[in-house]
Amino acid sequence: MQRPLIILGLLIALVGVAWPWVSKLPFGRLPGDILIDRPGFRFFFPFTTMVIVSVVISLVLMIFRK
């Protein structure tokens, strides 16, 4: 359990350091993400982004299990 937690911590730190470049990626603005923008109200639901992130995390976990 120690190794996965250390790797996860390093990945989070790496994303934090690379955030100026990571924030320019189109995640969160993909087709299929729901945005309702009305005067005085804004609702954003990143459906497609969540599906892609879930698939990537599942693949990474399957690789580490073997």
Protein backbone atom coordinates (compact mmCIF):
# COMPACT_ATOMS: atom_id res chain seq x y z
CA MET A 1 0.00 0.00 0.00
CA GLN A 2 2.94 2.34 0.58
CA ARG A 3 4.19 2.26 -3.01
CA PRO A 4 0.84 3.22 -4.63
CA LEU A 5 0.37 6.08 -2.18
CA ILE A 6 3.87 7.40 -2.84
CA ILE A 7 3.31 7.17 -6.60
CA LEU A 8 -0.06 8.92 -6.27
CA GLY A 9 1.53 11.69 -4.19
CA LEU A 10 4.30 12.17 -6.73
CA LEU A 11 1.78 12.32 -9.58
CA ILE A 12 -0.27 14.95 -7.77
CA ALA A 13 2.87 16.98 -7.08
CA LEU A 14 3.92 16.67 -10.73
CA VAL A 15 0.53 17.88 -11.96
CA GLY A 16 0.75 20.77 -9.49
CA VAL A 17 4.13 21.82 -10.83
CA ALA A 18 2.98 21.44 -14.45
CA TRP A 19 -0.38 23.19 -13.84
CA PRO A 20 0.31 26.21 -16.11
CA TRP A 21 0.65 23.80 -19.04
CA VAL A 22 -1.97 21.28 -17.89
CA SER A 23 -4.64 23.98 -17.57
CA LYS A 24 -4.29 24.76 -21.29
CA LEU A 25 -5.41 21.23 -22.22
CA PRO A 26 -9.00 21.01 -23.50
CA PHE A 27 -10.21 18.87 -20.58
CA GLY A 28 -13.38 20.33 -19.11
CA ARG A 29 -14.42 21.79 -22.44
CA LEU A 30 -15.02 18.61 -24.41
CA PRO A 31 -18.09 17.93 -26.56
CA GLY A 32 -20.63 16.26 -24.30
CA ASP A 33 -19.84 18.43 -21.28
CA ILE A 34 -23.01 20.18 -20.14
CA LEU A 35 -22.99 23.95 -19.69
CA ILE A 36 -26.10 25.94 -18.80
CA ASP A 37 -25.39 29.66 -18.75
CA ARG A 38 -28.24 32.00 -17.84
CA PRO A 39 -28.23 35.45 -16.28
CA GLY A 40 -27.32 35.05 -12.63
CA PHE A 41 -26.86 31.27 -12.96
CA ARG A 42 -24.15 29.07 -14.39
CA PHE A 43 -24.11 25.27 -14.22
CA PHE A 44 -21.28 23.15 -15.59
CA PHE A 45 -21.27 19.35 -15.56
CA PRO A 46 -18.15 17.81 -17.23
CA PHE A 47 -19.77 14.50 -18.21
CA THR A 48 -17.42 13.54 -21.06
CA THR A 49 -14.35 14.62 -19.11
CA MET A 50 -15.39 12.45 -16.14
CA VAL A 51 -15.89 9.41 -18.40
CA ILE A 52 -12.43 9.85 -19.98
CA VAL A 53 -10.74 10.32 -16.60
CA SER A 54 -12.53 7.25 -15.24
CA VAL A 55 -11.39 5.10 -18.19
CA VAL A 56 -7.79 6.30 -17.84
CA ILE A 57 -7.74 5.63 -14.09
CA SER A 58 -9.26 2.17 -14.63
CA LEU A 59 -6.62 1.32 -17.24
CA VAL A 60 -3.79 2.50 -14.98
CA LEU A 61 -5.12 0.45 -12.08
CA MET A 62 -5.46 -2.64 -14.29
CA ILE A 63 -1.82 -2.23 -15.37
CA PHE A 64 -0.61 -1.90 -11.76
CA ARG A 65 -2.57 -4.97 -10.64
CA LYS A 66 -0.61 -7.21 -12.98
